[in-house]
Structure formats: structure tokens, C-alpha cells
Amino acid sequence: MVTDFFQSPDPVAHTVLWKSIIGLCIVLFATFVGVEVRIGNEDEEH
């Protein structure tokens, strides 16, 4: 594991990194929920 990556003297870099990771997780979660809802609606129509 590269320890130099996590020892950045700029704490803002960590904040941006974590916000990006959390945002990506939210987008992926919303995408999966949207797919489930769409599949559920198609099942009700038939």
C-alpha cells in the first residue's frame, strides 16, 4: 500500500477525494434504484 498518497500536506485534497467518492456512490446507488423501479413498473404492466 502506498502510504505517501495519504500523507498529503493539503487537507483540502482529502476533502475533495472523499466528496468525489461519496458522490460516485450516491450516483451508483440512485442508478440501481432507478433500474429496480423501472423493472418493477414493467412487471405490473404485464
Protein backbone atom coordinates (compact mmCIF):
# COMPACT_ATOMS: atom_id res chain seq x y z
CA MET A 1 0.00 0.00 0.00
CA VAL A 2 1.30 3.44 -0.90
CA THR A 3 1.48 5.46 2.31
CA ASP A 4 2.72 8.64 0.61
CA PHE A 5 -0.66 9.07 -1.06
CA PHE A 6 -2.45 9.58 2.27
CA GLN A 7 0.18 11.93 3.73
CA SER A 8 -0.64 14.93 1.59
CA PRO A 9 0.10 18.19 3.44
CA ASP A 10 -3.02 19.73 1.90
CA PRO A 11 -6.15 18.59 3.79
CA VAL A 12 -8.36 20.01 1.03
CA ALA A 13 -7.19 17.22 -1.27
CA HIS A 14 -8.63 14.65 1.14
CA THR A 15 -11.94 16.50 1.32
CA VAL A 16 -12.24 16.63 -2.46
CA LEU A 17 -11.31 12.95 -2.70
CA TRP A 18 -13.91 11.86 -0.14
CA LYS A 19 -16.61 14.08 -1.66
CA SER A 20 -15.89 12.56 -5.07
CA ILE A 21 -16.08 9.01 -3.70
CA ILE A 22 -19.30 9.68 -1.78
CA GLY A 23 -20.85 11.41 -4.79
CA LEU A 24 -19.96 8.48 -7.02
CA CYS A 25 -21.54 6.05 -4.54
CA ILE A 26 -24.73 8.13 -4.42
CA VAL A 27 -24.93 8.20 -8.22
CA LEU A 28 -24.40 4.44 -8.47
CA PHE A 29 -26.99 3.78 -5.76
CA ALA A 30 -29.53 6.05 -7.46
CA THR A 31 -28.88 4.30 -10.78
CA PHE A 32 -29.53 0.86 -9.29
CA VAL A 33 -32.69 2.09 -7.54
CA GLY A 34 -33.92 3.61 -10.79
CA VAL A 35 -33.35 0.34 -12.64
CA GLU A 36 -35.23 -1.60 -9.93
CA VAL A 37 -38.18 0.80 -10.09
CA ARG A 38 -38.29 0.58 -13.89
CA ILE A 39 -38.21 -3.23 -13.80
CA GLY A 40 -40.94 -3.20 -11.13
CA ASN A 41 -43.17 -0.99 -13.29
CA GLU A 42 -42.73 -3.27 -16.31
CA ASP A 43 -43.79 -6.28 -14.26
CA GLU A 44 -47.00 -4.53 -13.20
CA GLU A 45 -47.98 -3.73 -16.78
CA HIS A 46 -47.97 -7.37 -17.93
